Amino acid sequence: MAKILLVEDDENLGFVIKDNLEEAGFVVVLQNDGNKGLIAFEAGTFDIAILDVMLPELDGFALSEKIKSQNNDFPIIFLTAKSLNDDRIKGLKLGADDYISKPFNMEELILRIEAILKRVGKIAITTANFILGKYTFDSKNLKLIFETTEQSLTNKESELLKLLVENKNQTISRERLLIALWGNNDYFKGRSMDVFITRLRKYLSNDTSIKITNVHGVGFRLEM
């Protein structure tokens, strides 16, 4: 499933878009200003971004420039209430893959996202299998396989394990994990993450060569 960074400061519209995209099978991280959007992008692994143009702190065009400076091929769709040609031209010059004026049809947005992901080959990014010692981690089908036993994972468990695996033997800060998975780093989300870490440790307990270490005051590290 493709992961989308959605940055929209209209709270109601943001939740409507997020709900519809999740219903269509996408994983969505929603932020409500440009600075938070940039932090989330740098902390997580995304396949495409949908950016409102008129954002507080850092507008959509400026955010796009910062994203493109780190990954020039990263696909971006702009959302805007404006229909001015100058804005459209500016967005396209910044490397936008599409530009949609509000109000828009949600089905059309989904189709445009799917078309861009297919064109740039991003849909396959999240379908990889990983070998973890004696385990096979199937991130596409949310399964952790040990010999003939399969452990089903929740979406959050799978996303968390995938981030740890992709950064194995490196410490990942709590803040980075929380923003990547939940969109913010508040206390209650942190408590939820601790529960998921405990579950993953239990799931991986059949292979003593694998360990999820709590680096006190910093974050977590998957050691192999």
C-alpha atoms as a PDB file:
ATOM      1  CA  MET A   1       0.000   0.000   0.000  1.00  0.00           C
ATOM      2  CA  ALA A   2       1.315   3.428  -0.931  1.00  0.00           C
ATOM      3  CA  LYS A   3       1.987   5.967   1.816  1.00  0.00           C
ATOM      4  CA  ILE A   4       0.846   9.562   1.316  1.00  0.00           C
ATOM      5  CA  LEU A   5       1.946  12.752   3.043  1.00  0.00           C
ATOM      6  CA  LEU A   6      -1.090  15.079   3.101  1.00  0.00           C
ATOM      7  CA  VAL A   7      -0.536  18.682   4.205  1.00  0.00           C
ATOM      8  CA  GLU A   8      -3.805  20.631   4.459  1.00  0.00           C
ATOM      9  CA  ASP A   9      -4.603  23.381   6.970  1.00  0.00           C
ATOM     10  CA  ASP A  10      -8.393  23.154   6.597  1.00  0.00           C
ATOM     11  CA  GLU A  11      -9.099  20.663   9.401  1.00  0.00           C
ATOM     12  CA  ASN A  12     -12.427  19.408   8.064  1.00  0.00           C
ATOM     13  CA  LEU A  13     -11.218  19.016   4.487  1.00  0.00           C
ATOM     14  CA  GLY A  14      -8.023  17.363   5.683  1.00  0.00           C
ATOM     15  CA  PHE A  15      -9.905  14.684   7.586  1.00  0.00           C
ATOM     16  CA  VAL A  16     -12.339  14.131   4.698  1.00  0.00           C
ATOM     17  CA  ILE A  17      -9.470  13.612   2.251  1.00  0.00           C
ATOM     18  CA  LYS A  18      -7.596  11.391   4.705  1.00  0.00           C
ATOM     19  CA  ASP A  19     -10.644   9.209   5.377  1.00  0.00           C
ATOM     20  CA  ASN A  20     -11.389   8.786   1.673  1.00  0.00           C
ATOM     21  CA  LEU A  21      -7.800   7.944   0.793  1.00  0.00           C
ATOM     22  CA  GLU A  22      -7.548   5.424   3.635  1.00  0.00           C
ATOM     23  CA  GLU A  23     -10.817   3.873   2.495  1.00  0.00           C
ATOM     24  CA  ALA A  24      -9.207   3.528  -0.950  1.00  0.00           C
ATOM     25  CA  GLY A  25      -6.346   1.560   0.608  1.00  0.00           C
ATOM     26  CA  PHE A  26      -3.660   4.220   1.125  1.00  0.00           C
ATOM     27  CA  VAL A  27      -1.734   4.943   4.313  1.00  0.00           C
ATOM     28  CA  VAL A  28      -2.041   8.682   5.058  1.00  0.00           C
ATOM     29  CA  VAL A  29      -0.142  10.994   7.405  1.00  0.00           C
ATOM     30  CA  LEU A  30      -1.951  14.341   7.779  1.00  0.00           C
ATOM     31  CA  GLN A  31      -0.245  17.581   8.842  1.00  0.00           C
ATOM     32  CA  ASN A  32      -1.778  21.059   9.049  1.00  0.00           C
ATOM     33  CA  ASP A  33       1.153  23.384   8.329  1.00  0.00           C
ATOM     34  CA  GLY A  34       4.219  23.429   6.119  1.00  0.00           C
ATOM     35  CA  ASN A  35       6.821  23.071   8.861  1.00  0.00           C
ATOM     36  CA  LYS A  36       5.105  19.988  10.305  1.00  0.00           C
ATOM     37  CA  GLY A  37       4.814  18.629   6.783  1.00  0.00           C
ATOM     38  CA  LEU A  38       8.563  18.996   6.257  1.00  0.00           C
ATOM     39  CA  ILE A  39       9.347  17.314   9.599  1.00  0.00           C
ATOM     40  CA  ALA A  40       7.049  14.404   8.701  1.00  0.00           C
ATOM     41  CA  PHE A  41       8.631  14.058   5.246  1.00  0.00           C
ATOM     42  CA  GLU A  42      12.137  13.962   6.690  1.00  0.00           C
ATOM     43  CA  ALA A  43      11.123  11.498   9.412  1.00  0.00           C
ATOM     44  CA  GLY A  44       9.122   9.049   7.341  1.00  0.00           C
ATOM     45  CA  THR A  45       9.095   7.103   4.104  1.00  0.00           C
ATOM     46  CA  PHE A  46       6.450   8.323   1.658  1.00  0.00           C
ATOM     47  CA  ASP A  47       5.495   7.545  -1.925  1.00  0.00           C
ATOM     48  CA  ILE A  48       3.747  10.830  -2.807  1.00  0.00           C
ATOM     49  CA  ALA A  49       2.781  14.166  -1.222  1.00  0.00           C
ATOM     50  CA  ILE A  50      -0.437  16.154  -1.572  1.00  0.00           C
ATOM     51  CA  LEU A  51       0.181  19.773  -0.584  1.00  0.00           C
ATOM     52  CA  ASP A  52      -2.237  22.636  -0.150  1.00  0.00           C
ATOM     53  CA  VAL A  53      -0.717  25.800  -1.615  1.00  0.00           C
ATOM     54  CA  MET A  54      -1.914  28.222   1.077  1.00  0.00           C
ATOM     55  CA  LEU A  55      -0.359  26.760   4.224  1.00  0.00           C
ATOM     56  CA  PRO A  56       0.694  28.510   7.454  1.00  0.00           C
ATOM     57  CA  GLU A  57       4.370  28.625   8.519  1.00  0.00           C
ATOM     58  CA  LEU A  58       5.660  27.355   5.163  1.00  0.00           C
ATOM     59  CA  ASP A  59       3.457  27.540   2.071  1.00  0.00           C
ATOM     60  CA  GLY A  60       2.999  24.630  -0.308  1.00  0.00           C
ATOM     61  CA  PHE A  61       5.380  26.005  -2.929  1.00  0.00           C
ATOM     62  CA  ALA A  62       8.173  26.531  -0.387  1.00  0.00           C
ATOM     63  CA  LEU A  63       7.544  23.089   1.114  1.00  0.00           C
ATOM     64  CA  SER A  64       7.702  21.557  -2.354  1.00  0.00           C
ATOM     65  CA  GLU A  65      11.068  23.215  -3.008  1.00  0.00           C
ATOM     66  CA  LYS A  66      12.480  21.792   0.232  1.00  0.00           C
ATOM     67  CA  ILE A  67      11.163  18.308  -0.570  1.00  0.00           C
ATOM     68  CA  LYS A  68      12.527  18.457  -4.122  1.00  0.00           C
ATOM     69  CA  SER A  69      15.924  19.613  -2.837  1.00  0.00           C
ATOM     70  CA  GLN A  70      16.144  16.296  -0.960  1.00  0.00           C
ATOM     71  CA  ASN A  71      14.526  14.104  -3.625  1.00  0.00           C
ATOM     72  CA  ASN A  72      14.022  15.736  -6.993  1.00  0.00           C
ATOM     73  CA  ASP A  73      11.983  12.808  -8.321  1.00  0.00           C
ATOM     74  CA  PHE A  74       9.510  12.747  -5.441  1.00  0.00           C
ATOM     75  CA  PRO A  75       5.931  13.078  -6.826  1.00  0.00           C
ATOM     76  CA  ILE A  76       3.814  16.008  -5.609  1.00  0.00           C
ATOM     77  CA  ILE A  77       0.218  17.055  -6.197  1.00  0.00           C
ATOM     78  CA  PHE A  78      -0.839  20.613  -5.319  1.00  0.00           C
ATOM     79  CA  LEU A  79      -4.313  21.441  -3.975  1.00  0.00           C
ATOM     80  CA  THR A  80      -5.499  25.021  -4.105  1.00  0.00           C
ATOM     81  CA  ALA A  81      -8.589  27.177  -3.905  1.00  0.00           C
ATOM     82  CA  LYS A  82      -7.005  29.414  -6.515  1.00  0.00           C
ATOM     83  CA  SER A  83      -7.488  28.890 -10.220  1.00  0.00           C
ATOM     84  CA  LEU A  84      -5.014  31.533 -11.325  1.00  0.00           C
ATOM     85  CA  ASN A  85      -2.796  30.518 -14.221  1.00  0.00           C
ATOM     86  CA  ASP A  86       0.242  32.093 -12.532  1.00  0.00           C
ATOM     87  CA  ASP A  87      -0.107  29.738  -9.558  1.00  0.00           C
ATOM     88  CA  ARG A  88      -0.620  26.747 -11.806  1.00  0.00           C
ATOM     89  CA  ILE A  89       2.440  27.629 -13.873  1.00  0.00           C
ATOM     90  CA  LYS A  90       4.529  28.205 -10.746  1.00  0.00           C
ATOM     91  CA  GLY A  91       3.521  24.825  -9.356  1.00  0.00           C
ATOM     92  CA  LEU A  92       4.383  23.028 -12.574  1.00  0.00           C
ATOM     93  CA  LYS A  93       7.728  24.833 -12.787  1.00  0.00           C
ATOM     94  CA  LEU A  94       8.524  23.557  -9.305  1.00  0.00           C
ATOM     95  CA  GLY A  95       8.132  20.031 -10.624  1.00  0.00           C
ATOM     96  CA  ALA A  96       4.570  19.250  -9.519  1.00  0.00           C
ATOM     97  CA  ASP A  97       3.128  16.121 -11.083  1.00  0.00           C
ATOM     98  CA  ASP A  98      -0.423  17.465 -10.909  1.00  0.00           C
ATOM     99  CA  TYR A  99      -2.401  20.496  -9.800  1.00  0.00           C
ATOM    100  CA  ILE A 100      -6.026  20.258  -8.619  1.00  0.00           C
ATOM    101  CA  SER A 101      -8.295  23.210  -7.882  1.00  0.00           C
ATOM    102  CA  LYS A 102     -10.825  23.079  -5.043  1.00  0.00           C
ATOM    103  CA  PRO A 103     -13.546  21.946  -4.936  1.00  0.00           C
ATOM    104  CA  PHE A 104     -12.658  18.644  -6.573  1.00  0.00           C
ATOM    105  CA  ASN A 105     -14.103  15.178  -6.989  1.00  0.00           C
ATOM    106  CA  MET A 106     -12.544  12.697  -4.536  1.00  0.00           C
ATOM    107  CA  GLU A 107     -12.677   9.830  -7.028  1.00  0.00           C
ATOM    108  CA  GLU A 108     -10.777  11.977  -9.516  1.00  0.00           C
ATOM    109  CA  LEU A 109      -8.089  12.717  -6.911  1.00  0.00           C
ATOM    110  CA  ILE A 110      -7.688   8.991  -6.182  1.00  0.00           C
ATOM    111  CA  LEU A 111      -7.421   8.166  -9.894  1.00  0.00           C
ATOM    112  CA  ARG A 112      -4.799  10.876 -10.385  1.00  0.00           C
ATOM    113  CA  ILE A 113      -2.787   9.577  -7.428  1.00  0.00           C
ATOM    114  CA  GLU A 114      -2.910   6.022  -8.785  1.00  0.00           C
ATOM    115  CA  ALA A 115      -1.895   7.186 -12.273  1.00  0.00           C
ATOM    116  CA  ILE A 116       1.137   9.081 -10.932  1.00  0.00           C
ATOM    117  CA  LEU A 117       2.222   6.180  -8.696  1.00  0.00           C
ATOM    118  CA  LYS A 118       2.000   3.750 -11.604  1.00  0.00           C
ATOM    119  CA  ARG A 119       3.933   6.100 -13.883  1.00  0.00           C
ATOM    120  CA  VAL A 120       6.811   6.610 -11.460  1.00  0.00           C
ATOM    121  CA  GLY A 121       6.854   2.998 -10.252  1.00  0.00           C
ATOM    122  CA  LYS A 122       6.132   3.914  -6.633  1.00  0.00           C
ATOM    123  CA  ILE A 123       3.344   1.430  -5.985  1.00  0.00           C
ATOM    124  CA  ALA A 124       5.795  -1.443  -5.558  1.00  0.00           C
ATOM    125  CA  ILE A 125       7.887   0.314  -2.910  1.00  0.00           C
ATOM    126  CA  THR A 126       5.961  -1.044   0.062  1.00  0.00           C
ATOM    127  CA  THR A 127       5.615  -4.650  -1.189  1.00  0.00           C
ATOM    128  CA  ALA A 128       9.080  -5.934  -0.253  1.00  0.00           C
ATOM    129  CA  ASN A 129       9.782  -8.981   1.891  1.00  0.00           C
ATOM    130  CA  PHE A 130      12.541  -8.806   4.508  1.00  0.00           C
ATOM    131  CA  ILE A 131      14.626 -11.589   6.037  1.00  0.00           C
ATOM    132  CA  LEU A 132      15.087 -11.110   9.798  1.00  0.00           C
ATOM    133  CA  GLY A 133      17.263 -13.939  11.018  1.00  0.00           C
ATOM    134  CA  LYS A 134      14.951 -16.953  11.044  1.00  0.00           C
ATOM    135  CA  TYR A 135      11.912 -14.813  10.187  1.00  0.00           C
ATOM    136  CA  THR A 136      10.447 -13.576   6.918  1.00  0.00           C
ATOM    137  CA  PHE A 137       8.612 -10.263   7.227  1.00  0.00           C
ATOM    138  CA  ASP A 138       5.977  -9.829   4.510  1.00  0.00           C
ATOM    139  CA  SER A 139       5.170  -6.128   4.786  1.00  0.00           C
ATOM    140  CA  LYS A 140       2.641  -6.241   1.943  1.00  0.00           C
ATOM    141  CA  ASN A 141       0.464  -8.920   3.522  1.00  0.00           C
ATOM    142  CA  LEU A 142       1.158  -7.874   7.141  1.00  0.00           C
ATOM    143  CA  LYS A 143       2.695 -11.190   8.174  1.00  0.00           C
ATOM    144  CA  LEU A 144       5.722 -12.278  10.187  1.00  0.00           C
ATOM    145  CA  ILE A 145       6.632 -15.861   9.280  1.00  0.00           C
ATOM    146  CA  PHE A 146       8.733 -18.217  11.455  1.00  0.00           C
ATOM    147  CA  GLU A 147       9.230 -21.692   9.939  1.00  0.00           C
ATOM    148  CA  THR A 148       5.620 -22.872   9.427  1.00  0.00           C
ATOM    149  CA  THR A 149       4.030 -20.335  11.787  1.00  0.00           C
ATOM    150  CA  GLU A 150       2.512 -17.041  10.619  1.00  0.00           C
ATOM    151  CA  GLN A 151       1.902 -14.058  12.902  1.00  0.00           C
ATOM    152  CA  SER A 152      -0.569 -11.532  11.523  1.00  0.00           C
ATOM    153  CA  LEU A 153       0.364  -7.898  12.114  1.00  0.00           C
ATOM    154  CA  THR A 154      -1.731  -4.762  12.353  1.00  0.00           C
ATOM    155  CA  ASN A 155      -0.980  -1.889   9.962  1.00  0.00           C
ATOM    156  CA  LYS A 156       0.814   0.049  12.711  1.00  0.00           C
ATOM    157  CA  GLU A 157       2.848  -2.993  13.811  1.00  0.00           C
ATOM    158  CA  SER A 158       3.911  -3.586  10.220  1.00  0.00           C
ATOM    159  CA  GLU A 159       4.802   0.076   9.595  1.00  0.00           C
ATOM    160  CA  LEU A 160       6.799   0.247  12.832  1.00  0.00           C
ATOM    161  CA  LEU A 161       8.695  -2.980  12.109  1.00  0.00           C
ATOM    162  CA  LYS A 162       9.393  -1.843   8.529  1.00  0.00           C
ATOM    163  CA  LEU A 163      10.956   1.405   9.772  1.00  0.00           C
ATOM    164  CA  LEU A 164      13.080  -0.505  12.277  1.00  0.00           C
ATOM    165  CA  VAL A 165      14.167  -3.040   9.628  1.00  0.00           C
ATOM    166  CA  GLU A 166      15.037  -0.368   7.084  1.00  0.00           C
ATOM    167  CA  ASN A 167      17.266   1.235   9.729  1.00  0.00           C
ATOM    168  CA  LYS A 168      18.545  -1.971  11.357  1.00  0.00           C
ATOM    169  CA  ASN A 169      21.441  -1.576  13.811  1.00  0.00           C
ATOM    170  CA  GLN A 170      20.794   2.177  13.887  1.00  0.00           C
ATOM    171  CA  THR A 171      19.023   4.123  16.630  1.00  0.00           C
ATOM    172  CA  ILE A 172      15.806   5.811  15.507  1.00  0.00           C
ATOM    173  CA  SER A 173      14.501   8.589  17.727  1.00  0.00           C
ATOM    174  CA  ARG A 174      11.077   8.300  19.339  1.00  0.00           C
ATOM    175  CA  GLU A 175      10.096  11.585  17.716  1.00  0.00           C
ATOM    176  CA  ARG A 176      10.932  10.322  14.236  1.00  0.00           C
ATOM    177  CA  LEU A 177       8.959   7.119  14.730  1.00  0.00           C
ATOM    178  CA  LEU A 178       5.945   8.895  16.210  1.00  0.00           C
ATOM    179  CA  ILE A 179       5.755  11.524  13.475  1.00  0.00           C
ATOM    180  CA  ALA A 180       6.247   8.938  10.734  1.00  0.00           C
ATOM    181  CA  LEU A 181       3.516   6.628  12.074  1.00  0.00           C
ATOM    182  CA  TRP A 182       1.038   8.917  13.854  1.00  0.00           C
ATOM    183  CA  GLY A 183       1.809  12.373  12.521  1.00  0.00           C
ATOM    184  CA  ASN A 184       2.724  13.838  15.920  1.00  0.00           C
ATOM    185  CA  ASN A 185       4.745  12.986  19.014  1.00  0.00           C
ATOM    186  CA  ASP A 186       2.311  13.528  21.859  1.00  0.00           C
ATOM    187  CA  TYR A 187       2.456  11.556  25.119  1.00  0.00           C
ATOM    188  CA  PHE A 188      -0.471   9.222  24.452  1.00  0.00           C
ATOM    189  CA  LYS A 189       0.805   8.235  20.995  1.00  0.00           C
ATOM    190  CA  GLY A 190       4.140   7.476  22.696  1.00  0.00           C
ATOM    191  CA  ARG A 191       2.428   5.126  25.132  1.00  0.00           C
ATOM    192  CA  SER A 192       0.729   3.385  22.199  1.00  0.00           C
ATOM    193  CA  MET A 193       4.068   2.950  20.458  1.00  0.00           C
ATOM    194  CA  ASP A 194       5.556   1.343  23.586  1.00  0.00           C
ATOM    195  CA  VAL A 195       2.753  -1.229  23.458  1.00  0.00           C
ATOM    196  CA  PHE A 196       3.558  -1.988  19.802  1.00  0.00           C
ATOM    197  CA  ILE A 197       7.273  -2.346  20.610  1.00  0.00           C
ATOM    198  CA  THR A 198       6.408  -4.857  23.370  1.00  0.00           C
ATOM    199  CA  ARG A 199       4.281  -6.854  20.923  1.00  0.00           C
ATOM    200  CA  LEU A 200       7.026  -6.902  18.278  1.00  0.00           C
ATOM    201  CA  ARG A 201       9.551  -8.131  20.840  1.00  0.00           C
ATOM    202  CA  LYS A 202       7.192 -10.988  21.697  1.00  0.00           C
ATOM    203  CA  TYR A 203       6.636 -11.841  18.022  1.00  0.00           C
ATOM    204  CA  LEU A 204      10.423 -11.961  17.422  1.00  0.00           C
ATOM    205  CA  SER A 205      11.282 -13.891  20.576  1.00  0.00           C
ATOM    206  CA  ASN A 206      11.913 -17.192  18.759  1.00  0.00           C
ATOM    207  CA  ASP A 207      15.216 -15.863  17.386  1.00  0.00           C
ATOM    208  CA  THR A 208      17.627 -14.605  20.058  1.00  0.00           C
ATOM    209  CA  SER A 209      19.871 -12.997  17.408  1.00  0.00           C
ATOM    210  CA  ILE A 210      17.196 -10.307  16.926  1.00  0.00           C
ATOM    211  CA  LYS A 211      16.618  -7.681  19.587  1.00  0.00           C
ATOM    212  CA  ILE A 212      14.736  -4.374  19.764  1.00  0.00           C
ATOM    213  CA  THR A 213      16.756  -2.257  22.175  1.00  0.00           C
ATOM    214  CA  ASN A 214      15.419   0.759  24.047  1.00  0.00           C
ATOM    215  CA  VAL A 215      18.096   3.465  23.859  1.00  0.00           C
ATOM    216  CA  HIS A 216      17.224   5.415  26.997  1.00  0.00           C
ATOM    217  CA  GLY A 217      16.098   8.966  26.323  1.00  0.00           C
ATOM    218  CA  VAL A 218      16.630   8.612  22.568  1.00  0.00           C
ATOM    219  CA  GLY A 219      14.613   5.899  20.860  1.00  0.00           C
ATOM    220  CA  PHE A 220      14.860   2.314  19.619  1.00  0.00           C
ATOM    221  CA  ARG A 221      17.269   0.153  17.656  1.00  0.00           C
ATOM    222  CA  LEU A 222      16.635  -3.173  15.913  1.00  0.00           C
ATOM    223  CA  GLU A 223      19.811  -5.184  16.468  1.00  0.00           C
ATOM    224  CA  MET A 224      20.654  -8.137  14.259  1.00  0.00           C
END
